[in-house]
Amino acid sequence: MGCDKTTPSLLMAAASADIPSIVVTGGPMLNGWFRGERIGSGTHLWKFSEAVKAGETTQAEFLEAEASMSRSSGTCNTMGTASTMASMAEALGMALSGNAAIPAVDSRRRTMAQLSGRRIVQMVKDDLKPSDILTKQAFENAIRTNGAIGGSTNAVIHLLALAGRVGVDVTLADWDRLGRDLKTIVNLMPSGKYLMEEFFHAGGLPVVIKRLGEAGQLHKDALTVSGATIWDEVKEVVNWNEEVILPADRPLTDQGGIAVLRSNLAPNGAVLKPSAASPHLMVHRGRAVVFEDIDDYKARIEDEALDIDETCVMVLKNCGPRGYPGMAEVGNMGLPPKVLRKGITDMVRVSDARMSGTAYGTVVLHTSPEAAAGGPLAVVRDGDMIVLDVPNRRLHLDISDAELAARLAEWRPLPDQPASGYAWLHQQHVMGADTGADLDFLRGCRGNPVGKDSH
C-alpha cells in the first residue's frame, strides 16, 4: 500500500475485520530536482501552475519542471497525505518502527517488508489484533505526531473514520485539544524546506516520536505490532540532522497541529493547517466571493471581470462527502490570475471539500455540516463578510442570527440526486466530515463484538 487513501482504507478494513494485521507502506519517491532546486511532489506542481497563470513561468518550463519532479517510483516525497498516513500508521503502532520514511527504491524498504512478514506470523500465533493496538491512547499519540510532522488535514478524516470502525471515541475536539500548542518540528514541504528522503536520513518518524515522549506528549505504554511499547521502540534513536528534524527551541512553528474552527459558519467544525498557512491571514475579515460548485469555480476563476481581490474570501460549496461524492481534493482553489499577477500567493479560502496534503495556504476545509446537507455554507452569498480568527478558533458569517435562520429556511437540496446503486447508498448513508465521512452502517468494531476494556 502507499498512496493517500489506500493506507487508511486498508487500516479501516483491518479494524472492521479485527484480525491480526500489520502495515507496510510503499515508501516515498526520491527527491525531485529542477535547475538546482529541490522540488516536491504536488507542492511544486501547485507553485509552478500558479506561476504560469501569473506569467512568471512558461508552459515549456512548467513541463520541464514536472518531468523533474518524480524521479523514482514511490508516493509523494512531501509531507502530503501519503507520507502523513504512513506516519499515522507507525504512530498508531500498526507498522514496525521506522517504516514510514524509507524511500520506495531503498533496499531497506524490502527489508522492512520481510521483517513485517515474519512478524505477522507471530502476531497470528499471539492473536494480536487491531483492537488490541488501536486504543484511545494510540489515537492521541497519532494526533500529536501529526502536529509535530506538519501532517495533512486529510489525516483528520481518516483517523476519525478509523476510530469509528474500531469503536474508539475520537472527535474533532480531541484534534484541537491535543494539537493546539504542539510545535511542528519536521521541516518538510509543504510547510518547510526538505523532503522525505532527508527525513529518512535524519532518523525518520522514530526521532519525532522520541521527542514527543521526552516532552511528556506521548503515551509511552501504547502497544505496537512489534509486541513492545512505542517508547521501547524509539527511546534509543538519534537525530542525525537538526535542520530537518528541528530542536524544540527552534520549531518550524510554535502552534502546529490542526486548528478546529467553529461558530455559525461551521457549527460542527472546520479545519485549517496552521503550519501551511500565511501568518498575516490567520486573523482576517473579507468579502465572500462564492462558487456554487467546482464547475462554477472552473468557469469563472480566470475571468478578468470577476469581482475579486486579495482581501476577499473565496468560498466553494457543494464539494463535501455528499455534494461532490467522494469529497474530492479541490479545496485549495487556485487564485485568480489577476491576483497572482500582483505577486499575491495566498488568500483565505473556505469550502466543505478536502485538499491534497501536498497543498499549502490559508485554506479552511471540511466545513460541517456541508452545503449539500443544508449547512450554513450553503446560504453564503456574494458580498457577505466572513471572519476568520484562527487563534480564537472562529469561522463566522457576519450576518444576524435572524437572517441566517431565514436563509436556511429557504434552502432546498440540490436536484438530481442518485436514484439507485452504490451512488444512492453513499448518498443515503455517508456521514459528515466532522465524524470521518464513513458510511454509517460500517461503524463499530464488527469483527470483535465483545470488545475490549480499553474501548
Protein backbone atom coordinates (compact mmCIF):
# COMPACT_ATOMS: atom_id res chain seq x y z
CA MET A 1 0.00 0.00 0.00
CA GLY A 2 1.16 3.56 -0.40
CA CYS A 3 -0.95 6.43 -1.67
CA ASP A 4 -3.24 8.83 0.13
CA LYS A 5 -6.34 6.69 0.51
CA THR A 6 -5.01 3.13 0.33
CA THR A 7 -3.32 3.20 3.73
CA PRO A 8 -6.36 4.47 5.67
CA SER A 9 -8.80 2.31 3.68
CA LEU A 10 -6.88 -0.87 4.41
CA LEU A 11 -6.47 0.13 8.05
CA MET A 12 -10.25 0.61 8.21
CA ALA A 13 -10.80 -2.81 6.68
CA ALA A 14 -8.38 -4.39 9.14
CA ALA A 15 -10.18 -2.67 12.02
CA SER A 16 -13.55 -3.90 10.78
CA ALA A 17 -12.38 -7.49 10.42
CA ASP A 18 -10.26 -7.26 13.60
CA ILE A 19 -7.83 -9.98 12.62
CA PRO A 20 -4.04 -9.75 13.10
CA SER A 21 -2.77 -7.09 10.68
CA ILE A 22 0.41 -5.13 10.03
CA VAL A 23 1.04 -2.13 7.79
CA VAL A 24 3.83 -1.97 5.21
CA THR A 25 3.61 1.16 3.09
CA GLY A 26 5.21 1.55 -0.33
CA GLY A 27 7.50 4.40 0.65
CA PRO A 28 8.10 7.87 -0.81
CA MET A 29 9.89 8.59 -4.08
CA LEU A 30 13.36 10.14 -4.12
CA ASN A 31 13.83 13.93 -4.14
CA GLY A 32 12.92 15.84 -7.25
CA TRP A 33 15.40 18.42 -8.57
CA PHE A 34 14.93 21.23 -11.10
CA ARG A 35 17.67 23.72 -12.00
CA GLY A 36 19.48 23.13 -8.74
CA GLU A 37 16.34 23.49 -6.63
CA ARG A 38 14.74 20.74 -4.53
CA ILE A 39 11.16 20.26 -5.78
CA GLY A 40 8.41 18.34 -4.07
CA SER A 41 5.55 16.29 -5.46
CA GLY A 42 2.33 18.26 -5.60
CA THR A 43 3.67 21.23 -3.65
CA HIS A 44 5.72 22.50 -6.58
CA LEU A 45 3.05 21.45 -9.06
CA TRP A 46 0.74 24.00 -7.42
CA LYS A 47 3.51 26.63 -7.27
CA PHE A 48 4.56 26.19 -10.90
CA SER A 49 0.94 26.11 -12.09
CA GLU A 50 0.24 29.40 -10.32
CA ALA A 51 3.47 30.84 -11.77
CA VAL A 52 2.24 30.02 -15.30
CA LYS A 53 -1.05 31.82 -14.60
CA ALA A 54 0.87 34.80 -13.23
CA GLY A 55 3.04 34.98 -16.34
CA GLU A 56 6.21 34.23 -14.37
CA THR A 57 6.87 30.78 -15.92
CA THR A 58 6.34 29.50 -19.45
CA GLN A 59 4.39 26.36 -20.25
CA ALA A 60 7.60 24.76 -21.55
CA GLU A 61 9.37 25.44 -18.26
CA PHE A 62 6.40 24.04 -16.37
CA LEU A 63 6.56 20.79 -18.33
CA GLU A 64 10.33 20.55 -17.81
CA ALA A 65 9.87 21.01 -14.06
CA GLU A 66 7.04 18.48 -13.97
CA ALA A 67 9.23 15.89 -15.65
CA SER A 68 11.90 16.50 -13.00
CA MET A 69 9.51 16.05 -10.11
CA SER A 70 9.09 12.27 -9.96
CA ARG A 71 12.45 10.61 -10.48
CA SER A 72 11.64 7.23 -8.95
CA SER A 73 8.72 5.06 -8.04
CA GLY A 74 7.04 5.82 -4.73
CA THR A 75 4.47 8.08 -3.16
CA CYS A 76 4.71 11.87 -2.95
CA ASN A 77 8.02 12.92 -1.38
CA THR A 78 6.50 15.83 0.54
CA MET A 79 4.66 15.56 3.85
CA GLY A 80 1.48 15.08 1.85
CA THR A 81 -1.28 12.67 2.76
CA ALA A 82 0.64 9.55 1.67
CA SER A 83 3.61 10.34 3.92
CA THR A 84 1.27 11.55 6.65
CA MET A 85 -0.79 8.36 6.69
CA ALA A 86 2.33 6.19 6.64
CA SER A 87 3.43 8.19 9.68
CA MET A 88 0.00 7.80 11.28
CA ALA A 89 0.15 4.02 10.85
CA GLU A 90 3.52 3.98 12.60
CA ALA A 91 2.43 6.37 15.36
CA LEU A 92 -0.69 4.26 15.95
CA GLY A 93 1.53 1.24 16.45
CA MET A 94 0.19 -0.57 13.37
CA ALA A 95 3.53 -0.59 11.50
CA LEU A 96 7.01 -1.55 12.60
CA SER A 97 9.10 1.36 13.87
CA GLY A 98 10.87 3.19 11.04
CA ASN A 99 8.50 2.06 8.29
CA ALA A 100 7.06 5.43 7.30
CA ALA A 101 10.01 7.26 5.73
CA ILE A 102 12.10 4.59 3.94
CA PRO A 103 12.18 5.56 0.24
CA ALA A 104 10.37 3.17 -2.08
CA VAL A 105 13.52 2.27 -4.03
CA ASP A 106 15.81 1.93 -0.99
CA SER A 107 16.82 -1.68 -0.29
CA ARG A 108 15.78 -1.17 3.32
CA ARG A 109 12.14 -0.97 2.17
CA ARG A 110 12.36 -4.62 1.11
CA THR A 111 13.99 -5.45 4.43
CA MET A 112 11.09 -3.78 6.24
CA ALA A 113 8.65 -5.83 4.19
CA GLN A 114 10.47 -9.06 5.06
CA LEU A 115 10.60 -8.21 8.78
CA SER A 116 6.90 -7.36 8.71
CA GLY A 117 6.11 -10.65 7.01
CA ARG A 118 7.97 -12.55 9.71
CA ARG A 119 6.31 -10.52 12.45
CA ILE A 120 2.74 -11.09 11.23
CA VAL A 121 3.22 -14.84 11.62
CA GLN A 122 3.89 -14.38 15.32
CA MET A 123 1.03 -11.91 15.61
CA VAL A 124 -1.34 -14.56 14.29
CA LYS A 125 0.00 -17.05 16.84
CA ASP A 126 -0.43 -14.46 19.60
CA ASP A 127 -3.84 -13.34 18.27
CA LEU A 128 -2.64 -9.71 18.43
CA LYS A 129 -5.44 -7.79 16.72
CA PRO A 130 -6.03 -4.17 15.65
CA SER A 131 -8.44 -3.71 18.58
CA ASP A 132 -5.55 -4.50 20.96
CA ILE A 133 -3.43 -1.73 19.43
CA LEU A 134 -5.90 0.92 18.28
CA THR A 135 -6.83 2.31 21.70
CA LYS A 136 -7.68 5.90 22.60
CA GLN A 137 -4.06 6.34 23.72
CA ALA A 138 -2.83 5.21 20.30
CA PHE A 139 -5.05 7.73 18.54
CA GLU A 140 -3.87 10.51 20.85
CA ASN A 141 -0.26 9.59 20.04
CA ALA A 142 -1.07 9.79 16.32
CA ILE A 143 -2.85 13.15 16.60
CA ARG A 144 0.14 14.67 18.40
CA THR A 145 2.52 13.12 15.88
CA ASN A 146 0.53 14.67 13.06
CA GLY A 147 1.04 18.11 14.60
CA ALA A 148 4.77 17.53 15.10
CA ILE A 149 5.31 16.48 11.48
CA GLY A 150 3.04 19.15 9.95
CA GLY A 151 0.82 16.41 8.59
CA SER A 152 -2.06 16.60 6.16
CA THR A 153 -5.56 17.81 7.03
CA ASN A 154 -6.78 14.57 5.45
CA ALA A 155 -5.43 12.72 8.48
CA VAL A 156 -8.33 14.22 10.45
CA ILE A 157 -10.98 12.49 8.36
CA HIS A 158 -9.03 9.25 8.02
CA LEU A 159 -8.34 8.85 11.74
CA LEU A 160 -11.91 9.77 12.68
CA ALA A 161 -13.16 7.12 10.28
CA LEU A 162 -10.66 4.54 11.55
CA ALA A 163 -11.60 5.25 15.16
CA GLY A 164 -15.24 4.80 14.22
CA ARG A 165 -14.50 1.42 12.68
CA VAL A 166 -12.70 0.11 15.75
CA GLY A 167 -15.16 1.66 18.20
CA VAL A 168 -12.92 4.25 19.86
CA ASP A 169 -14.37 7.66 20.75
CA VAL A 170 -12.25 10.21 18.86
CA THR A 171 -13.70 13.60 17.91
CA LEU A 172 -12.68 16.90 16.36
CA ALA A 173 -12.41 18.26 19.89
CA ASP A 174 -9.59 15.77 20.51
CA TRP A 175 -7.74 17.10 17.48
CA ASP A 176 -7.92 20.67 18.73
CA ARG A 177 -7.18 19.79 22.35
CA LEU A 178 -4.11 17.73 21.53
CA GLY A 179 -2.71 19.85 18.71
CA ARG A 180 -3.36 23.43 19.81
CA ASP A 181 0.00 24.08 21.50
CA LEU A 182 2.06 21.44 19.71
CA LYS A 183 5.21 22.53 17.91
CA THR A 184 5.85 21.44 14.33
CA ILE A 185 9.45 20.25 14.27
CA VAL A 186 9.70 18.49 10.89
CA ASN A 187 11.00 20.90 8.26
CA LEU A 188 9.36 19.35 5.21
CA MET A 189 7.33 20.70 2.31
CA PRO A 190 4.63 21.93 2.04
CA SER A 191 5.21 23.64 5.39
CA GLY A 192 9.02 23.70 5.29
CA LYS A 193 12.09 23.15 3.11
CA TYR A 194 13.08 19.47 2.84
CA LEU A 195 11.62 16.21 1.53
CA MET A 196 11.06 12.66 2.75
CA GLU A 197 14.46 11.44 1.60
CA GLU A 198 16.17 13.85 4.03
CA PHE A 199 13.63 12.97 6.72
CA PHE A 200 14.57 9.30 6.43
CA HIS A 201 18.30 10.01 6.62
CA ALA A 202 17.76 12.25 9.67
CA GLY A 203 16.21 9.32 11.53
CA GLY A 204 12.60 9.46 10.38
CA LEU A 205 9.49 9.24 12.48
CA PRO A 206 11.08 7.41 15.44
CA VAL A 207 13.03 10.60 16.22
CA VAL A 208 9.82 12.62 16.25
CA ILE A 209 8.04 10.12 18.48
CA LYS A 210 11.01 10.08 20.86
CA ARG A 211 10.88 13.89 21.03
CA LEU A 212 7.18 13.73 21.94
CA GLY A 213 8.00 11.22 24.67
CA GLU A 214 10.72 13.45 26.09
CA ALA A 215 8.26 16.36 26.13
CA GLY A 216 5.63 14.38 28.01
CA GLN A 217 3.35 14.33 24.97
CA LEU A 218 3.34 10.58 24.32
CA HIS A 219 1.50 7.66 25.87
CA LYS A 220 4.68 5.62 26.22
CA ASP A 221 2.96 2.37 27.15
CA ALA A 222 0.88 2.15 23.97
CA LEU A 223 1.28 -1.27 22.38
CA THR A 224 2.63 -1.72 18.83
CA VAL A 225 2.57 -4.57 16.31
CA SER A 226 6.11 -5.46 17.41
CA GLY A 227 4.69 -6.61 20.73
CA ALA A 228 6.70 -3.90 22.50
CA THR A 229 5.57 -0.46 23.62
CA ILE A 230 6.00 2.54 21.37
CA TRP A 231 8.56 4.05 23.79
CA ASP A 232 10.69 0.91 23.82
CA GLU A 233 10.85 1.14 20.03
CA VAL A 234 12.18 4.72 19.90
CA LYS A 235 13.99 5.56 23.14
CA GLU A 236 17.49 4.88 21.74
CA VAL A 237 17.16 6.59 18.33
CA VAL A 238 19.34 9.55 17.29
CA ASN A 239 18.54 12.71 15.31
CA TRP A 240 21.19 12.88 12.58
CA ASN A 241 20.12 16.21 11.08
CA GLU A 242 18.70 19.04 13.18
CA GLU A 243 17.98 21.12 10.09
CA VAL A 244 15.41 18.53 9.01
CA ILE A 245 14.06 17.46 12.42
CA LEU A 246 14.36 20.69 14.34
CA PRO A 247 15.19 21.06 18.04
CA ALA A 248 12.34 22.01 20.36
CA ASP A 249 13.70 25.53 20.89
CA ARG A 250 13.76 26.17 17.13
CA PRO A 251 10.48 24.74 15.77
CA LEU A 252 9.08 25.37 12.33
CA THR A 253 6.00 26.76 14.04
CA ASP A 254 5.06 27.07 17.70
CA GLN A 255 1.47 26.05 17.05
CA GLY A 256 1.26 23.22 14.57
CA GLY A 257 -1.40 20.59 14.81
CA ILE A 258 -4.75 21.11 13.16
CA ALA A 259 -6.88 24.11 14.10
CA VAL A 260 -10.56 23.20 14.51
CA LEU A 261 -12.74 26.23 13.79
CA ARG A 262 -16.38 26.73 14.74
CA SER A 263 -19.06 29.48 15.01
CA ASN A 264 -22.13 29.97 12.83
CA LEU A 265 -20.50 29.08 9.50
CA ALA A 266 -19.19 25.74 10.81
CA PRO A 267 -21.39 24.58 13.72
CA ASN A 268 -19.90 21.08 13.56
CA GLY A 269 -16.39 22.29 12.84
CA ALA A 270 -13.95 23.07 10.05
CA VAL A 271 -10.20 22.54 9.89
CA LEU A 272 -7.11 24.54 8.93
CA LYS A 273 -3.43 23.61 8.92
CA PRO A 274 -1.55 26.49 10.61
CA SER A 275 1.91 25.32 9.57
CA ALA A 276 0.98 25.69 5.88
CA ALA A 277 -0.97 28.97 6.24
CA SER A 278 0.14 32.60 5.96
CA PRO A 279 0.60 34.27 9.36
CA HIS A 280 -0.86 37.58 8.15
CA LEU A 281 -4.12 35.86 7.18
CA MET A 282 -4.72 33.94 10.39
CA VAL A 283 -6.98 36.77 11.53
CA HIS A 284 -8.89 38.19 8.57
CA ARG A 285 -12.23 39.68 7.60
CA GLY A 286 -13.12 39.70 3.94
CA ARG A 287 -15.88 39.85 1.35
CA ALA A 288 -17.13 36.47 0.15
CA VAL A 289 -16.77 35.54 -3.50
CA VAL A 290 -18.95 32.45 -3.86
CA PHE A 291 -18.65 29.50 -6.22
CA GLU A 292 -21.68 27.20 -6.06
CA ASP A 293 -19.73 24.11 -7.06
CA ILE A 294 -16.45 23.11 -8.69
CA ASP A 295 -17.80 23.64 -12.21
CA ASP A 296 -18.84 27.19 -11.31
CA TYR A 297 -15.33 27.80 -9.95
CA LYS A 298 -13.64 26.48 -13.10
CA ALA A 299 -15.92 28.52 -15.36
CA ARG A 300 -15.30 31.84 -13.60
CA ILE A 301 -11.94 31.87 -11.84
CA GLU A 302 -9.91 33.09 -14.84
CA ASP A 303 -12.49 35.69 -15.91
CA GLU A 304 -10.81 39.10 -15.73
CA ALA A 305 -14.23 40.59 -14.93
CA LEU A 306 -14.57 38.54 -11.74
CA ASP A 307 -15.08 40.98 -8.85
CA ILE A 308 -12.32 39.76 -6.57
CA ASP A 309 -9.08 40.95 -5.00
CA GLU A 310 -6.62 39.59 -2.44
CA THR A 311 -8.72 40.82 0.51
CA CYS A 312 -11.69 38.65 -0.45
CA VAL A 313 -12.58 35.22 0.93
CA MET A 314 -13.07 32.57 -1.75
CA VAL A 315 -15.98 30.25 -0.89
CA LEU A 316 -16.60 26.90 -2.60
CA LYS A 317 -19.83 24.99 -1.91
CA ASN A 318 -21.17 21.51 -2.58
CA CYS A 319 -17.86 19.66 -2.55
CA GLY A 320 -18.29 17.65 0.65
CA PRO A 321 -18.97 13.92 1.16
CA ARG A 322 -22.47 14.19 -0.31
CA GLY A 323 -22.21 17.25 -2.50
CA TYR A 324 -19.26 16.02 -4.55
CA PRO A 325 -19.40 12.25 -3.84
CA GLY A 326 -16.07 11.07 -2.53
CA MET A 327 -15.23 14.56 -1.24
CA ALA A 328 -12.62 15.47 -3.84
CA GLU A 329 -9.44 17.42 -3.08
CA VAL A 330 -10.48 20.73 -4.60
CA GLY A 331 -10.48 22.96 -1.51
CA ASN A 332 -7.12 24.57 -2.31
CA MET A 333 -8.69 26.67 -5.04
CA GLY A 334 -6.11 28.25 -7.28
CA LEU A 335 -6.08 32.04 -7.06
CA PRO A 336 -7.42 34.22 -9.91
CA PRO A 337 -4.71 35.11 -12.46
CA LYS A 338 -5.30 38.84 -11.99
CA VAL A 339 -4.49 38.45 -8.28
CA LEU A 340 -1.47 36.24 -8.96
CA ARG A 341 -0.04 38.86 -11.32
CA LYS A 342 0.15 41.27 -8.36
CA GLY A 343 2.59 38.89 -6.67
CA ILE A 344 -0.06 37.61 -4.23
CA THR A 345 0.39 33.93 -3.42
CA ASP A 346 -2.28 33.31 -0.77
CA MET A 347 -5.86 34.23 0.04
CA VAL A 348 -8.33 32.92 2.59
CA ARG A 349 -10.33 30.05 1.08
CA VAL A 350 -13.30 28.27 2.68
CA SER A 351 -15.02 25.11 1.49
CA ASP A 352 -16.60 21.82 2.53
CA ALA A 353 -14.04 19.99 0.37
CA ARG A 354 -10.70 18.39 1.18
CA MET A 355 -7.34 19.38 -0.26
CA SER A 356 -4.22 17.48 -1.17
CA GLY A 357 -1.79 17.11 1.71
CA THR A 358 0.86 18.46 -0.66
CA ALA A 359 -1.00 21.78 -0.93
CA TYR A 360 -0.49 24.90 1.16
CA GLY A 361 -2.16 28.18 2.00
CA THR A 362 -4.72 29.68 4.36
CA VAL A 363 -7.37 27.16 3.43
CA VAL A 364 -10.36 26.27 5.63
CA LEU A 365 -11.64 22.79 4.81
CA HIS A 366 -14.24 20.16 5.78
CA THR A 367 -16.76 22.85 6.79
CA SER A 368 -19.55 20.94 8.52
CA PRO A 369 -22.42 20.43 8.02
CA GLU A 370 -21.62 20.54 4.31
CA ALA A 371 -23.59 22.67 1.87
CA ALA A 372 -25.35 19.69 0.25
CA ALA A 373 -26.70 18.71 3.67
CA GLY A 374 -28.08 22.18 4.31
CA GLY A 375 -25.21 23.51 6.38
CA PRO A 376 -24.76 27.30 6.72
CA LEU A 377 -22.12 27.23 3.97
CA ALA A 378 -25.00 26.57 1.55
CA VAL A 379 -26.50 30.02 2.11
CA VAL A 380 -23.39 32.20 1.92
CA ARG A 381 -23.86 34.89 -0.71
CA ASP A 382 -21.52 37.09 -2.72
CA GLY A 383 -20.69 40.16 -0.67
CA ASP A 384 -21.24 38.59 2.76
CA MET A 385 -18.43 39.31 5.18
CA ILE A 386 -16.61 36.30 6.64
CA VAL A 387 -14.39 36.44 9.72
CA LEU A 388 -11.51 34.00 10.16
CA ASP A 389 -9.90 34.09 13.61
CA VAL A 390 -7.59 31.10 13.98
CA PRO A 391 -6.21 31.99 17.44
CA ASN A 392 -9.78 32.03 18.78
CA ARG A 393 -10.82 29.08 16.57
CA ARG A 394 -13.60 31.04 14.92
CA LEU A 395 -15.10 30.94 11.40
CA HIS A 396 -18.03 33.34 11.32
CA LEU A 397 -20.52 34.52 8.71
CA ASP A 398 -21.11 38.15 9.66
CA ILE A 399 -24.90 38.29 9.37
CA SER A 400 -27.59 38.31 12.06
CA ASP A 401 -28.98 35.12 13.53
CA ALA A 402 -32.38 36.01 12.12
CA GLU A 403 -31.01 36.49 8.61
CA LEU A 404 -29.13 33.19 8.77
CA ALA A 405 -32.24 31.37 10.01
CA ALA A 406 -34.34 32.88 7.21
CA ARG A 407 -31.83 31.84 4.55
CA LEU A 408 -31.63 28.30 5.91
CA ALA A 409 -35.42 28.04 5.94
CA GLU A 410 -35.47 28.91 2.24
CA TRP A 411 -32.71 26.45 1.31
CA ARG A 412 -33.62 23.45 -0.87
CA PRO A 413 -31.46 20.38 -1.67
CA LEU A 414 -29.73 20.07 -4.98
CA PRO A 415 -31.77 18.31 -7.69
CA ASP A 416 -30.91 15.09 -9.50
CA GLN A 417 -29.78 13.01 -6.56
CA PRO A 418 -28.83 9.42 -7.48
CA ALA A 419 -31.81 7.07 -7.52
CA SER A 420 -30.17 3.68 -7.24
CA GLY A 421 -27.00 1.66 -6.90
CA TYR A 422 -23.90 2.47 -4.90
CA ALA A 423 -24.29 6.20 -5.53
CA TRP A 424 -27.71 6.09 -3.82
CA LEU A 425 -26.29 4.01 -0.96
CA HIS A 426 -23.49 6.53 -0.47
CA GLN A 427 -25.87 9.48 -0.61
CA GLN A 428 -28.18 7.98 1.99
CA HIS A 429 -25.56 6.74 4.44
CA VAL A 430 -22.39 8.84 4.20
CA MET A 431 -21.60 10.75 7.38
CA GLY A 432 -20.25 14.27 7.70
CA ALA A 433 -16.59 15.19 7.50
CA ASP A 434 -16.65 16.02 11.22
CA THR A 435 -17.17 12.32 12.01
CA GLY A 436 -14.98 10.81 9.30
CA ALA A 437 -17.17 10.74 6.16
CA ASP A 438 -17.61 6.98 6.53
CA LEU A 439 -20.81 5.06 5.81
CA ASP A 440 -22.84 4.95 8.99
CA PHE A 441 -23.50 1.19 8.90
CA LEU A 442 -19.76 0.40 8.87
CA ARG A 443 -19.02 1.90 12.25
CA GLY A 444 -18.30 -0.19 15.32
CA CYS A 445 -15.82 -2.98 15.94
CA ARG A 446 -17.83 -5.55 13.98
CA GLY A 447 -15.11 -8.18 13.86
CA ASN A 448 -14.82 -8.23 17.65
CA PRO A 449 -18.29 -7.56 19.07
CA VAL A 450 -17.32 -8.40 22.64
CA GLY A 451 -14.84 -5.50 22.60
CA LYS A 452 -12.04 -4.61 24.95
CA ASP A 453 -11.95 -2.71 28.24
CA SER A 454 -9.80 -0.05 26.53
CA HIS A 455 -12.74 0.88 24.29
